[in-house]
């Protein structure tokens, strides 16, 4: 899958699962698929928040030599050696965006 929002960065992905990007300044960042799914869910519902969210991500990428955007920092998909881990809510909280990422199950019980 191609993450168009990060096309300005060099894709240096070295595995089948998690995207890895290189910045011009040498910083590296990872984006787990579940994090990206959360991001696309936010954008589908609140498209006006896209730039705010991406700007916060890019700000954190610029500040950290190695950062991974993960679904769950306690159980990251890979071992991101020495990387700062950020979850979706870390970004939405910094942007002051309230968004509950939950799928609604069926209204029909068993």
Protein backbone atom coordinates (compact mmCIF):
# COMPACT_ATOMS: atom_id res chain seq x y z
CA UNK A 1 0.00 0.00 0.00
CA UNK A 2 1.23 3.44 -0.86
CA UNK A 3 0.85 6.18 1.75
CA UNK A 4 0.37 9.25 -0.44
CA UNK A 5 0.53 11.61 2.55
CA UNK A 6 4.20 10.77 2.97
CA UNK A 7 5.28 10.90 -0.68
CA UNK A 8 7.71 13.75 0.11
CA UNK A 9 9.82 11.25 2.09
CA UNK A 10 11.91 8.41 0.71
CA UNK A 11 10.26 5.02 1.21
CA UNK A 12 12.93 2.68 2.61
CA UNK A 13 10.58 -0.08 3.77
CA UNK A 14 12.56 -3.23 4.49
CA UNK A 15 9.75 -5.59 5.53
CA UNK A 16 6.29 -6.58 4.30
CA UNK A 17 4.33 -5.05 7.12
CA UNK A 18 5.42 -1.64 8.38
CA UNK A 19 6.26 1.35 6.18
CA UNK A 20 9.63 2.98 6.86
CA UNK A 21 10.55 6.43 5.60
CA UNK A 22 13.72 8.50 5.47
CA UNK A 23 13.70 12.30 5.78
CA UNK A 24 16.16 14.64 4.08
CA UNK A 25 17.74 15.41 7.48
CA UNK A 26 18.39 11.70 8.09
CA UNK A 27 15.54 11.11 10.52
CA UNK A 28 13.65 7.84 10.11
CA UNK A 29 10.03 7.10 10.87
CA UNK A 30 7.74 4.09 10.72
CA UNK A 31 3.98 3.91 10.20
CA UNK A 32 2.16 0.75 11.27
CA UNK A 33 -0.84 -0.28 9.13
CA UNK A 34 -3.26 -0.03 12.07
CA UNK A 35 -2.10 3.53 12.81
CA UNK A 36 -2.64 4.45 9.17
CA UNK A 37 -6.11 2.87 9.27
CA UNK A 38 -6.95 5.01 12.31
CA UNK A 39 -5.68 8.06 10.42
CA UNK A 40 -7.80 7.31 7.34
CA UNK A 41 -10.84 6.78 9.58
CA UNK A 42 -10.33 10.22 11.09
CA UNK A 43 -9.94 11.81 7.67
CA UNK A 44 -13.07 10.13 6.31
CA UNK A 45 -15.10 11.54 9.16
CA UNK A 46 -13.32 14.88 9.62
CA UNK A 47 -11.49 15.78 6.39
CA UNK A 48 -10.83 19.30 7.66
CA UNK A 49 -8.49 17.83 10.32
CA UNK A 50 -6.14 16.17 7.83
CA UNK A 51 -3.58 18.98 7.61
CA UNK A 52 -3.59 19.60 11.36
CA UNK A 53 -2.96 15.91 12.06
CA UNK A 54 -0.25 15.56 9.40
CA UNK A 55 1.49 18.75 10.52
CA UNK A 56 1.69 17.40 14.08
CA UNK A 57 3.10 14.10 12.80
CA UNK A 58 5.69 15.94 10.69
CA UNK A 59 6.60 18.15 13.64
CA UNK A 60 7.29 15.08 15.76
CA UNK A 61 9.21 13.45 12.91
CA UNK A 62 11.43 16.54 12.65
CA UNK A 63 12.13 16.54 16.42
CA UNK A 64 13.07 12.86 16.71
CA UNK A 65 15.83 10.95 14.96
CA UNK A 66 13.74 7.79 15.00
CA UNK A 67 10.01 7.63 15.63
CA UNK A 68 7.38 4.95 15.11
CA UNK A 69 3.67 5.63 14.79
CA UNK A 70 2.14 2.53 16.32
CA UNK A 71 -1.25 1.13 17.22
CA UNK A 72 -0.23 0.10 20.75
CA UNK A 73 3.03 1.27 22.33
CA UNK A 74 3.01 -1.65 24.77
CA UNK A 75 2.80 -4.16 21.92
CA UNK A 76 4.40 -2.62 18.84
CA UNK A 77 4.32 -4.63 15.65
CA UNK A 78 8.13 -4.62 15.36
CA UNK A 79 11.09 -3.90 17.61
CA UNK A 80 11.81 -0.28 16.74
CA UNK A 81 15.26 -0.08 18.30
CA UNK A 82 15.71 3.24 20.11
CA UNK A 83 12.66 4.79 18.47
CA UNK A 84 10.15 7.05 20.17
CA UNK A 85 6.72 5.39 19.98
CA UNK A 86 3.61 7.45 19.33
CA UNK A 87 0.03 6.22 19.24
CA UNK A 88 -2.85 7.77 17.32
CA UNK A 89 -4.20 9.47 20.46
CA UNK A 90 -0.80 11.05 21.12
CA UNK A 91 -1.24 12.95 17.86
CA UNK A 92 -4.94 13.74 18.22
CA UNK A 93 -4.40 14.95 21.80
CA UNK A 94 -1.57 17.23 20.71
CA UNK A 95 -3.87 18.65 18.01
CA UNK A 96 -6.80 18.92 20.42
CA UNK A 97 -8.89 16.72 18.15
CA UNK A 98 -11.48 14.58 19.89
CA UNK A 99 -12.11 11.42 17.91
CA UNK A 100 -13.25 8.08 19.21
CA UNK A 101 -11.87 5.37 16.97
CA UNK A 102 -14.35 2.59 17.50
CA UNK A 103 -16.22 0.44 15.12
CA UNK A 104 -19.84 -0.04 15.86
CA UNK A 105 -20.86 -3.65 16.02
CA UNK A 106 -24.20 -4.99 15.03
CA UNK A 107 -27.28 -3.81 16.91
CA UNK A 108 -28.52 -7.36 16.91
CA UNK A 109 -27.67 -9.51 19.89
CA UNK A 110 -27.42 -13.26 20.03
